[in-house]
Amino acid sequence: MLIGLCGSILAGKQSVAAYLVEQQGFSRLYVASAASDITSSSENLQSPSDSKRSGHVFTTAEDLIEYITKRWQQRWVTTDIRDEEILEKLLRRPSFLLVSIDAPLCLRWQRCKSRYALANLPEPSLEQFVGWNDDYLYDQRYGIACLIDRAEVRLVNRSVHIGQLHQILKELDLPNEQRLRPNWDQYFMQLASLAAQRSNCMKRRVGSVLVREKRVISTGYNGTPRHLKNCNEGGCRRCNEGNAAGVGLSTSSERTGTALIELVKKQQSLTPNSSGEDESILMD
């Protein structure tokens, strides 16, 4: 399993990585080229523990991917994913999980001032800090905002001490392998949610999946029957007039009925009728 950590400056990425190493048996992976992406003005924001780079260091992200692909059963963590093309390759691996970490700006600013004070350096202004953070997220060359948007798990780190963060991470249970592969119920519910996106009902989107022995038989969604004007085109008077449930007549069919209709259609396609005509009924 490989966990990739990304997020804004001083959100707590290094602290989360250290927790995974110390408490969950993970090993750190680094990409040497990723260090060159950090502007010299913000080098002092790096964690002292990260500067030691105790772990496996790779010349390129491609080398890292090749390494973990052969060792996917072990636990790895990295904060050095800075390229969307690399992320695409990692997302194809079923053992990869991308986690984004953020924290309130004021809290991150306090962490910044504390880190500079420990290093006996003059504190940067808040404007400087915000500029570094904006560059880190939105710079056209190495900004990581596009990576954060694709995170499968999002953590907002409001903790003020390390023990509080560790408790949050313990409850979150990032190494849980169910995050990598949904169970059957989650899988079928996601299919139902996807089917609901086809709904044209103006009041609600609902989808359904008919399942037998963990095999999908049919899917459906609510909306007007075939050959009738869609609800979002004015086909359902009750929905378009904003009437409450039970008031007026709705022409939209329920999602379960749609799934059953699709099932009948499938059976008819396997058993042609004697006239050779298509008797199937569908939903638009």
C-alpha atoms as a PDB file:
ATOM      1  CA  MET A   1       0.000   0.000   0.000  1.00  0.00           C
ATOM      2  CA  LEU A   2       1.250   3.474  -0.902  1.00  0.00           C
ATOM      3  CA  ILE A   3      -0.291   6.560   0.708  1.00  0.00           C
ATOM      4  CA  GLY A   4       0.438   9.853  -1.036  1.00  0.00           C
ATOM      5  CA  LEU A   5       0.061  12.992   1.084  1.00  0.00           C
ATOM      6  CA  CYS A   6      -0.561  16.409  -0.439  1.00  0.00           C
ATOM      7  CA  GLY A   7      -1.901  19.710   0.803  1.00  0.00           C
ATOM      8  CA  SER A   8      -1.178  23.330   1.593  1.00  0.00           C
ATOM      9  CA  ILE A   9       1.949  24.612   3.345  1.00  0.00           C
ATOM     10  CA  LEU A  10       2.217  23.648   7.050  1.00  0.00           C
ATOM     11  CA  ALA A  11      -1.075  21.747   6.981  1.00  0.00           C
ATOM     12  CA  GLY A  12       0.594  18.789   8.716  1.00  0.00           C
ATOM     13  CA  LYS A  13       1.748  16.494   5.903  1.00  0.00           C
ATOM     14  CA  GLN A  14       5.069  15.678   7.545  1.00  0.00           C
ATOM     15  CA  SER A  15       3.397  15.020  10.907  1.00  0.00           C
ATOM     16  CA  VAL A  16       0.936  12.609   9.300  1.00  0.00           C
ATOM     17  CA  ALA A  17       3.770  10.849   7.460  1.00  0.00           C
ATOM     18  CA  ALA A  18       5.751  10.560  10.700  1.00  0.00           C
ATOM     19  CA  TYR A  19       2.719   9.052  12.451  1.00  0.00           C
ATOM     20  CA  LEU A  20       2.300   6.445   9.731  1.00  0.00           C
ATOM     21  CA  VAL A  21       5.983   5.525  10.008  1.00  0.00           C
ATOM     22  CA  GLU A  22       6.130   5.414  13.812  1.00  0.00           C
ATOM     23  CA  GLN A  23       2.674   4.010  14.620  1.00  0.00           C
ATOM     24  CA  GLN A  24       1.533   2.068  11.553  1.00  0.00           C
ATOM     25  CA  GLY A  25       4.712   0.466  10.197  1.00  0.00           C
ATOM     26  CA  PHE A  26       5.028   2.551   7.023  1.00  0.00           C
ATOM     27  CA  SER A  27       8.334   3.477   5.358  1.00  0.00           C
ATOM     28  CA  ARG A  28       9.066   6.894   3.811  1.00  0.00           C
ATOM     29  CA  LEU A  29       9.722   7.342   0.111  1.00  0.00           C
ATOM     30  CA  TYR A  30      11.270  10.508  -1.318  1.00  0.00           C
ATOM     31  CA  VAL A  31      11.829  11.885  -4.801  1.00  0.00           C
ATOM     32  CA  ALA A  32      15.008  13.962  -5.050  1.00  0.00           C
ATOM     33  CA  SER A  33      13.675  16.072  -7.925  1.00  0.00           C
ATOM     34  CA  ALA A  34      10.666  17.147  -5.828  1.00  0.00           C
ATOM     35  CA  ALA A  35      12.914  19.181  -3.526  1.00  0.00           C
ATOM     36  CA  SER A  36      13.891  21.454  -6.425  1.00  0.00           C
ATOM     37  CA  ASP A  37      10.244  22.434  -6.857  1.00  0.00           C
ATOM     38  CA  ILE A  38      10.252  24.300  -3.533  1.00  0.00           C
ATOM     39  CA  THR A  39      11.163  27.956  -3.807  1.00  0.00           C
ATOM     40  CA  SER A  40      14.230  29.052  -1.871  1.00  0.00           C
ATOM     41  CA  SER A  41      12.161  31.674   0.000  1.00  0.00           C
ATOM     42  CA  SER A  42      10.092  29.003   1.721  1.00  0.00           C
ATOM     43  CA  GLU A  43      12.785  26.405   2.434  1.00  0.00           C
ATOM     44  CA  ASN A  44      12.616  27.220   6.135  1.00  0.00           C
ATOM     45  CA  LEU A  45       9.022  25.974   6.199  1.00  0.00           C
ATOM     46  CA  GLN A  46      10.189  22.393   5.731  1.00  0.00           C
ATOM     47  CA  SER A  47       9.988  20.147   8.743  1.00  0.00           C
ATOM     48  CA  PRO A  48      13.344  19.478  10.424  1.00  0.00           C
ATOM     49  CA  SER A  49      12.546  15.756  10.395  1.00  0.00           C
ATOM     50  CA  ASP A  50      11.881  15.906   6.647  1.00  0.00           C
ATOM     51  CA  SER A  51      15.242  17.544   5.940  1.00  0.00           C
ATOM     52  CA  LYS A  52      16.962  14.384   7.222  1.00  0.00           C
ATOM     53  CA  ARG A  53      15.158  12.307   4.583  1.00  0.00           C
ATOM     54  CA  SER A  54      15.375   9.038   6.469  1.00  0.00           C
ATOM     55  CA  GLY A  55      14.044   6.524   3.955  1.00  0.00           C
ATOM     56  CA  HIS A  56      14.290   5.512   0.318  1.00  0.00           C
ATOM     57  CA  VAL A  57      15.301   8.361  -2.007  1.00  0.00           C
ATOM     58  CA  PHE A  58      14.663   8.086  -5.750  1.00  0.00           C
ATOM     59  CA  THR A  59      16.015  10.213  -8.561  1.00  0.00           C
ATOM     60  CA  THR A  60      12.642  10.456 -10.309  1.00  0.00           C
ATOM     61  CA  ALA A  61       9.016   9.676  -9.538  1.00  0.00           C
ATOM     62  CA  GLU A  62       9.108   6.996 -12.246  1.00  0.00           C
ATOM     63  CA  ASP A  63      11.788   5.184 -10.253  1.00  0.00           C
ATOM     64  CA  LEU A  64       9.582   5.354  -7.170  1.00  0.00           C
ATOM     65  CA  ILE A  65       6.625   3.873  -9.070  1.00  0.00           C
ATOM     66  CA  GLU A  66       8.738   1.019 -10.405  1.00  0.00           C
ATOM     67  CA  TYR A  67      10.005   0.299  -6.898  1.00  0.00           C
ATOM     68  CA  ILE A  68       6.619   0.187  -5.138  1.00  0.00           C
ATOM     69  CA  THR A  69       4.972  -1.750  -7.981  1.00  0.00           C
ATOM     70  CA  LYS A  70       7.205  -4.722  -7.105  1.00  0.00           C
ATOM     71  CA  ARG A  71       6.593  -4.238  -3.371  1.00  0.00           C
ATOM     72  CA  TRP A  72       2.914  -3.352  -3.241  1.00  0.00           C
ATOM     73  CA  GLN A  73       2.220  -5.582  -0.234  1.00  0.00           C
ATOM     74  CA  GLN A  74       4.412  -3.423   2.008  1.00  0.00           C
ATOM     75  CA  ARG A  75       3.384  -0.093   3.527  1.00  0.00           C
ATOM     76  CA  TRP A  76       4.805   3.082   2.005  1.00  0.00           C
ATOM     77  CA  VAL A  77       4.124   6.812   2.372  1.00  0.00           C
ATOM     78  CA  THR A  78       5.355   9.825   0.398  1.00  0.00           C
ATOM     79  CA  THR A  79       4.780  13.570   0.299  1.00  0.00           C
ATOM     80  CA  ASP A  80       6.650  14.021  -2.994  1.00  0.00           C
ATOM     81  CA  ILE A  81       3.881  13.658  -5.582  1.00  0.00           C
ATOM     82  CA  ARG A  82       4.054  16.951  -7.490  1.00  0.00           C
ATOM     83  CA  ASP A  83       3.074  16.003 -11.030  1.00  0.00           C
ATOM     84  CA  GLU A  84      -0.388  15.214 -12.427  1.00  0.00           C
ATOM     85  CA  GLU A  85       1.058  12.815 -14.979  1.00  0.00           C
ATOM     86  CA  ILE A  86       2.740  10.849 -12.187  1.00  0.00           C
ATOM     87  CA  LEU A  87      -0.485  10.918 -10.195  1.00  0.00           C
ATOM     88  CA  GLU A  88      -2.355   9.402 -13.150  1.00  0.00           C
ATOM     89  CA  LYS A  89       0.058   6.476 -13.172  1.00  0.00           C
ATOM     90  CA  LEU A  90      -0.262   5.962  -9.440  1.00  0.00           C
ATOM     91  CA  LEU A  91      -4.064   6.088  -9.505  1.00  0.00           C
ATOM     92  CA  ARG A  92      -4.019   3.081 -11.820  1.00  0.00           C
ATOM     93  CA  ARG A  93      -2.440   1.083  -9.015  1.00  0.00           C
ATOM     94  CA  PRO A  94      -5.125  -0.499  -6.801  1.00  0.00           C
ATOM     95  CA  SER A  95      -2.791  -0.202  -3.800  1.00  0.00           C
ATOM     96  CA  PHE A  96      -2.502   3.621  -3.977  1.00  0.00           C
ATOM     97  CA  LEU A  97      -4.436   6.109  -1.842  1.00  0.00           C
ATOM     98  CA  LEU A  98      -4.170   9.904  -2.225  1.00  0.00           C
ATOM     99  CA  VAL A  99      -4.857  11.914   0.938  1.00  0.00           C
ATOM    100  CA  SER A 100      -5.085  15.723   1.051  1.00  0.00           C
ATOM    101  CA  ILE A 101      -4.382  17.615   4.267  1.00  0.00           C
ATOM    102  CA  ASP A 102      -5.384  21.194   4.949  1.00  0.00           C
ATOM    103  CA  ALA A 103      -5.654  23.470   7.975  1.00  0.00           C
ATOM    104  CA  PRO A 104      -7.098  26.931   8.711  1.00  0.00           C
ATOM    105  CA  LEU A 105      -4.887  29.735   7.413  1.00  0.00           C
ATOM    106  CA  CYS A 106      -4.485  31.414  10.819  1.00  0.00           C
ATOM    107  CA  LEU A 107      -3.368  28.152  12.386  1.00  0.00           C
ATOM    108  CA  ARG A 108      -0.846  27.531   9.612  1.00  0.00           C
ATOM    109  CA  TRP A 109       0.437  31.080  10.015  1.00  0.00           C
ATOM    110  CA  GLN A 110       1.034  30.448  13.736  1.00  0.00           C
ATOM    111  CA  ARG A 111       2.960  27.290  12.856  1.00  0.00           C
ATOM    112  CA  CYS A 112       5.043  29.300  10.408  1.00  0.00           C
ATOM    113  CA  LYS A 113       5.984  31.884  13.013  1.00  0.00           C
ATOM    114  CA  SER A 114       6.873  29.156  15.529  1.00  0.00           C
ATOM    115  CA  ARG A 115       9.119  27.403  13.049  1.00  0.00           C
ATOM    116  CA  TYR A 116      10.998  30.587  12.189  1.00  0.00           C
ATOM    117  CA  ALA A 117      11.374  31.440  15.878  1.00  0.00           C
ATOM    118  CA  LEU A 118      12.920  28.012  16.568  1.00  0.00           C
ATOM    119  CA  ALA A 119      15.384  28.640  13.734  1.00  0.00           C
ATOM    120  CA  ASN A 120      16.236  32.101  15.145  1.00  0.00           C
ATOM    121  CA  LEU A 121      15.179  33.720  11.889  1.00  0.00           C
ATOM    122  CA  PRO A 122      13.154  36.900  11.362  1.00  0.00           C
ATOM    123  CA  GLU A 123       9.486  36.124  10.873  1.00  0.00           C
ATOM    124  CA  PRO A 124       8.093  36.631   7.378  1.00  0.00           C
ATOM    125  CA  SER A 125       5.012  38.768   7.045  1.00  0.00           C
ATOM    126  CA  LEU A 126       1.585  37.228   6.674  1.00  0.00           C
ATOM    127  CA  GLU A 127       1.535  38.535   3.117  1.00  0.00           C
ATOM    128  CA  GLN A 128       4.772  36.653   2.371  1.00  0.00           C
ATOM    129  CA  PHE A 129       3.373  33.467   3.864  1.00  0.00           C
ATOM    130  CA  VAL A 130       0.186  33.692   1.824  1.00  0.00           C
ATOM    131  CA  GLY A 131       2.286  34.325  -1.301  1.00  0.00           C
ATOM    132  CA  TRP A 132       4.380  31.206  -0.657  1.00  0.00           C
ATOM    133  CA  ASN A 133       1.240  29.170  -0.126  1.00  0.00           C
ATOM    134  CA  ASP A 134      -0.334  30.494  -3.328  1.00  0.00           C
ATOM    135  CA  ASP A 135       2.805  29.670  -5.291  1.00  0.00           C
ATOM    136  CA  TYR A 136       2.888  26.180  -3.806  1.00  0.00           C
ATOM    137  CA  LEU A 137      -0.727  25.549  -4.794  1.00  0.00           C
ATOM    138  CA  TYR A 138      -1.211  27.522  -8.007  1.00  0.00           C
ATOM    139  CA  ASP A 139       2.160  28.079  -9.677  1.00  0.00           C
ATOM    140  CA  GLN A 140       1.906  27.074 -13.357  1.00  0.00           C
ATOM    141  CA  ARG A 141       5.101  25.006 -13.142  1.00  0.00           C
ATOM    142  CA  TYR A 142       4.657  23.028  -9.943  1.00  0.00           C
ATOM    143  CA  GLY A 143       1.371  24.036  -8.274  1.00  0.00           C
ATOM    144  CA  ILE A 144      -0.352  21.069  -6.647  1.00  0.00           C
ATOM    145  CA  ALA A 145      -3.943  22.358  -6.407  1.00  0.00           C
ATOM    146  CA  CYS A 146      -4.941  20.041  -9.268  1.00  0.00           C
ATOM    147  CA  LEU A 147      -3.643  17.078  -7.249  1.00  0.00           C
ATOM    148  CA  ILE A 148      -5.507  18.069  -4.088  1.00  0.00           C
ATOM    149  CA  ASP A 149      -8.774  18.139  -6.023  1.00  0.00           C
ATOM    150  CA  ARG A 150      -8.351  14.444  -6.841  1.00  0.00           C
ATOM    151  CA  ALA A 151      -7.696  13.226  -3.294  1.00  0.00           C
ATOM    152  CA  GLU A 152      -9.822  10.282  -2.201  1.00  0.00           C
ATOM    153  CA  VAL A 153      -9.557  11.203   1.488  1.00  0.00           C
ATOM    154  CA  ARG A 154      -9.561  14.778   2.790  1.00  0.00           C
ATOM    155  CA  LEU A 155      -8.323  15.680   6.265  1.00  0.00           C
ATOM    156  CA  VAL A 156      -8.720  19.107   7.871  1.00  0.00           C
ATOM    157  CA  ASN A 157      -6.045  19.321  10.552  1.00  0.00           C
ATOM    158  CA  ARG A 158      -7.303  21.713  13.239  1.00  0.00           C
ATOM    159  CA  SER A 159      -5.202  20.101  15.965  1.00  0.00           C
ATOM    160  CA  VAL A 160      -3.059  22.338  18.145  1.00  0.00           C
ATOM    161  CA  HIS A 161      -0.825  19.582  19.518  1.00  0.00           C
ATOM    162  CA  ILE A 162       0.545  16.332  18.116  1.00  0.00           C
ATOM    163  CA  GLY A 163      -1.430  14.066  20.449  1.00  0.00           C
ATOM    164  CA  GLN A 164      -4.693  15.480  19.138  1.00  0.00           C
ATOM    165  CA  LEU A 165      -3.610  14.816  15.551  1.00  0.00           C
ATOM    166  CA  HIS A 166      -2.603  11.246  16.403  1.00  0.00           C
ATOM    167  CA  GLN A 167      -6.036  10.592  17.895  1.00  0.00           C
ATOM    168  CA  ILE A 168      -7.703  11.893  14.738  1.00  0.00           C
ATOM    169  CA  LEU A 169      -5.494   9.684  12.567  1.00  0.00           C
ATOM    170  CA  LYS A 170      -6.190   6.663  14.748  1.00  0.00           C
ATOM    171  CA  GLU A 171      -9.927   7.133  14.266  1.00  0.00           C
ATOM    172  CA  LEU A 172      -9.509   7.831  10.553  1.00  0.00           C
ATOM    173  CA  ASP A 173      -7.588   4.555  10.088  1.00  0.00           C
ATOM    174  CA  LEU A 174      -5.887   5.433   6.803  1.00  0.00           C
ATOM    175  CA  PRO A 175      -4.279   1.969   6.348  1.00  0.00           C
ATOM    176  CA  ASN A 176      -7.713   0.323   6.218  1.00  0.00           C
ATOM    177  CA  GLU A 177      -7.631  -1.588   2.944  1.00  0.00           C
ATOM    178  CA  GLN A 178     -11.380  -1.132   2.442  1.00  0.00           C
ATOM    179  CA  ARG A 179     -10.488   2.372   1.286  1.00  0.00           C
ATOM    180  CA  LEU A 180      -8.692   0.818  -1.671  1.00  0.00           C
ATOM    181  CA  ARG A 181     -11.545  -1.435  -2.748  1.00  0.00           C
ATOM    182  CA  PRO A 182     -15.220  -0.873  -1.906  1.00  0.00           C
ATOM    183  CA  ASN A 183     -17.196  -3.740  -0.380  1.00  0.00           C
ATOM    184  CA  TRP A 184     -20.188  -5.122  -2.284  1.00  0.00           C
ATOM    185  CA  ASP A 185     -22.733  -2.791  -0.689  1.00  0.00           C
ATOM    186  CA  GLN A 186     -20.595   0.262  -1.387  1.00  0.00           C
ATOM    187  CA  TYR A 187     -20.014  -0.915  -4.966  1.00  0.00           C
ATOM    188  CA  PHE A 188     -23.708  -1.352  -5.735  1.00  0.00           C
ATOM    189  CA  MET A 189     -24.647   1.929  -4.018  1.00  0.00           C
ATOM    190  CA  GLN A 190     -22.087   3.754  -6.154  1.00  0.00           C
ATOM    191  CA  LEU A 191     -23.662   2.203  -9.248  1.00  0.00           C
ATOM    192  CA  ALA A 192     -27.078   3.392  -8.064  1.00  0.00           C
ATOM    193  CA  SER A 193     -25.689   6.894  -7.515  1.00  0.00           C
ATOM    194  CA  LEU A 194     -24.246   6.863 -11.025  1.00  0.00           C
ATOM    195  CA  ALA A 195     -27.584   5.706 -12.484  1.00  0.00           C
ATOM    196  CA  ALA A 196     -29.300   8.585 -10.667  1.00  0.00           C
ATOM    197  CA  GLN A 197     -27.255  11.064 -12.719  1.00  0.00           C
ATOM    198  CA  ARG A 198     -29.379  10.060 -15.740  1.00  0.00           C
ATOM    199  CA  SER A 199     -32.590  11.173 -14.022  1.00  0.00           C
ATOM    200  CA  ASN A 200     -34.514  14.031 -15.615  1.00  0.00           C
ATOM    201  CA  CYS A 201     -36.910  14.562 -12.692  1.00  0.00           C
ATOM    202  CA  MET A 202     -36.905  18.224 -11.630  1.00  0.00           C
ATOM    203  CA  LYS A 203     -37.423  17.426  -7.934  1.00  0.00           C
ATOM    204  CA  ARG A 204     -34.935  14.685  -7.141  1.00  0.00           C
ATOM    205  CA  ARG A 205     -32.431  12.306  -8.677  1.00  0.00           C
ATOM    206  CA  VAL A 206     -32.870   8.672  -7.670  1.00  0.00           C
ATOM    207  CA  GLY A 207     -31.215   5.552  -9.073  1.00  0.00           C
ATOM    208  CA  SER A 208     -31.549   1.854  -8.379  1.00  0.00           C
ATOM    209  CA  VAL A 209     -29.700  -1.374  -9.033  1.00  0.00           C
ATOM    210  CA  LEU A 210     -31.241  -4.852  -9.073  1.00  0.00           C
ATOM    211  CA  VAL A 211     -28.770  -7.440  -7.795  1.00  0.00           C
ATOM    212  CA  ARG A 212     -28.881 -11.201  -7.473  1.00  0.00           C
ATOM    213  CA  GLU A 213     -26.039 -13.160  -5.882  1.00  0.00           C
ATOM    214  CA  LYS A 214     -23.692 -10.181  -6.185  1.00  0.00           C
ATOM    215  CA  ARG A 215     -24.367  -9.801  -9.906  1.00  0.00           C
ATOM    216  CA  VAL A 216     -26.042  -6.753 -11.418  1.00  0.00           C
ATOM    217  CA  ILE A 217     -29.272  -7.695 -13.182  1.00  0.00           C
ATOM    218  CA  SER A 218     -30.477  -4.242 -14.161  1.00  0.00           C
ATOM    219  CA  THR A 219     -30.239  -0.546 -13.339  1.00  0.00           C
ATOM    220  CA  GLY A 220     -32.774   2.266 -13.436  1.00  0.00           C
ATOM    221  CA  TYR A 221     -33.557   5.879 -12.551  1.00  0.00           C
ATOM    222  CA  ASN A 222     -36.673   7.979 -12.103  1.00  0.00           C
ATOM    223  CA  GLY A 223     -38.082  10.053 -14.942  1.00  0.00           C
ATOM    224  CA  THR A 224     -40.827  10.183 -17.571  1.00  0.00           C
ATOM    225  CA  PRO A 225     -41.528   7.074 -19.700  1.00  0.00           C
ATOM    226  CA  ARG A 226     -40.182   6.741 -23.225  1.00  0.00           C
ATOM    227  CA  HIS A 227     -41.941   8.770 -25.943  1.00  0.00           C
ATOM    228  CA  LEU A 228     -43.157  11.314 -23.375  1.00  0.00           C
ATOM    229  CA  LYS A 229     -41.571  14.720 -22.923  1.00  0.00           C
ATOM    230  CA  ASN A 230     -38.872  14.670 -20.256  1.00  0.00           C
ATOM    231  CA  CYS A 231     -39.636  16.183 -16.864  1.00  0.00           C
ATOM    232  CA  ASN A 232     -36.916  18.804 -17.325  1.00  0.00           C
ATOM    233  CA  GLU A 233     -38.570  19.785 -20.597  1.00  0.00           C
ATOM    234  CA  GLY A 234     -41.975  20.323 -18.992  1.00  0.00           C
ATOM    235  CA  GLY A 235     -43.260  16.754 -19.306  1.00  0.00           C
ATOM    236  CA  CYS A 236     -44.285  16.426 -15.652  1.00  0.00           C
ATOM    237  CA  ARG A 237     -46.827  19.047 -14.620  1.00  0.00           C
ATOM    238  CA  ARG A 238     -46.548  18.419 -10.880  1.00  0.00           C
ATOM    239  CA  CYS A 239     -42.778  18.850 -10.788  1.00  0.00           C
ATOM    240  CA  ASN A 240     -42.710  21.893 -13.051  1.00  0.00           C
ATOM    241  CA  GLU A 241     -45.454  23.652 -11.105  1.00  0.00           C
ATOM    242  CA  GLY A 242     -43.608  23.017  -7.853  1.00  0.00           C
ATOM    243  CA  ASN A 243     -46.470  21.061  -6.247  1.00  0.00           C
ATOM    244  CA  ALA A 244     -45.801  19.075  -3.081  1.00  0.00           C
ATOM    245  CA  ALA A 245     -45.804  15.289  -3.005  1.00  0.00           C
ATOM    246  CA  GLY A 246     -49.332  13.889  -3.263  1.00  0.00           C
ATOM    247  CA  VAL A 247     -50.655  16.975  -5.060  1.00  0.00           C
ATOM    248  CA  GLY A 248     -51.515  16.489  -8.702  1.00  0.00           C
ATOM    249  CA  LEU A 249     -50.418  13.656 -10.968  1.00  0.00           C
ATOM    250  CA  SER A 250     -46.782  12.914 -11.668  1.00  0.00           C
ATOM    251  CA  THR A 251     -45.793  11.267 -14.933  1.00  0.00           C
ATOM    252  CA  SER A 252     -42.360  10.293 -13.630  1.00  0.00           C
ATOM    253  CA  SER A 253     -41.760   6.610 -12.968  1.00  0.00           C
ATOM    254  CA  GLU A 254     -40.050   5.313  -9.850  1.00  0.00           C
ATOM    255  CA  ARG A 255     -36.430   4.164 -10.080  1.00  0.00           C
ATOM    256  CA  THR A 256     -37.246   0.531  -9.148  1.00  0.00           C
ATOM    257  CA  GLY A 257     -39.868   0.372 -11.865  1.00  0.00           C
ATOM    258  CA  THR A 258     -37.335   1.614 -14.381  1.00  0.00           C
ATOM    259  CA  ALA A 259     -34.897  -1.099 -13.396  1.00  0.00           C
ATOM    260  CA  LEU A 260     -37.624  -3.724 -13.763  1.00  0.00           C
ATOM    261  CA  ILE A 261     -38.552  -2.386 -17.183  1.00  0.00           C
ATOM    262  CA  GLU A 262     -34.918  -2.622 -18.269  1.00  0.00           C
ATOM    263  CA  LEU A 263     -34.840  -6.189 -16.993  1.00  0.00           C
ATOM    264  CA  VAL A 264     -37.938  -7.075 -19.043  1.00  0.00           C
ATOM    265  CA  LYS A 265     -36.347  -5.486 -22.088  1.00  0.00           C
ATOM    266  CA  LYS A 266     -33.195  -7.560 -21.611  1.00  0.00           C
ATOM    267  CA  GLN A 267     -35.228 -10.760 -21.348  1.00  0.00           C
ATOM    268  CA  GLN A 268     -37.205  -9.869 -24.461  1.00  0.00           C
ATOM    269  CA  SER A 269     -34.002  -9.271 -26.415  1.00  0.00           C
ATOM    270  CA  LEU A 270     -32.889 -12.796 -25.498  1.00  0.00           C
ATOM    271  CA  THR A 271     -36.301 -14.307 -26.434  1.00  0.00           C
ATOM    272  CA  PRO A 272     -37.668 -12.731 -29.671  1.00  0.00           C
ATOM    273  CA  ASN A 273     -41.487 -12.580 -29.941  1.00  0.00           C
ATOM    274  CA  SER A 274     -43.275 -14.478 -32.666  1.00  0.00           C
ATOM    275  CA  SER A 275     -44.123 -11.387 -34.706  1.00  0.00           C
ATOM    276  CA  GLY A 276     -40.519 -10.236 -34.763  1.00  0.00           C
ATOM    277  CA  GLU A 277     -41.535  -6.761 -33.569  1.00  0.00           C
ATOM    278  CA  ASP A 278     -39.764  -4.890 -30.804  1.00  0.00           C
ATOM    279  CA  GLU A 279     -42.102  -4.783 -27.803  1.00  0.00           C
ATOM    280  CA  SER A 280     -39.564  -3.326 -25.345  1.00  0.00           C
ATOM    281  CA  ILE A 281     -40.434  -0.301 -23.260  1.00  0.00           C
ATOM    282  CA  LEU A 282     -37.679   1.977 -22.007  1.00  0.00           C
ATOM    283  CA  MET A 283     -37.010   5.139 -20.101  1.00  0.00           C
ATOM    284  CA  ASP A 284     -35.300   8.119 -21.748  1.00  0.00           C
END
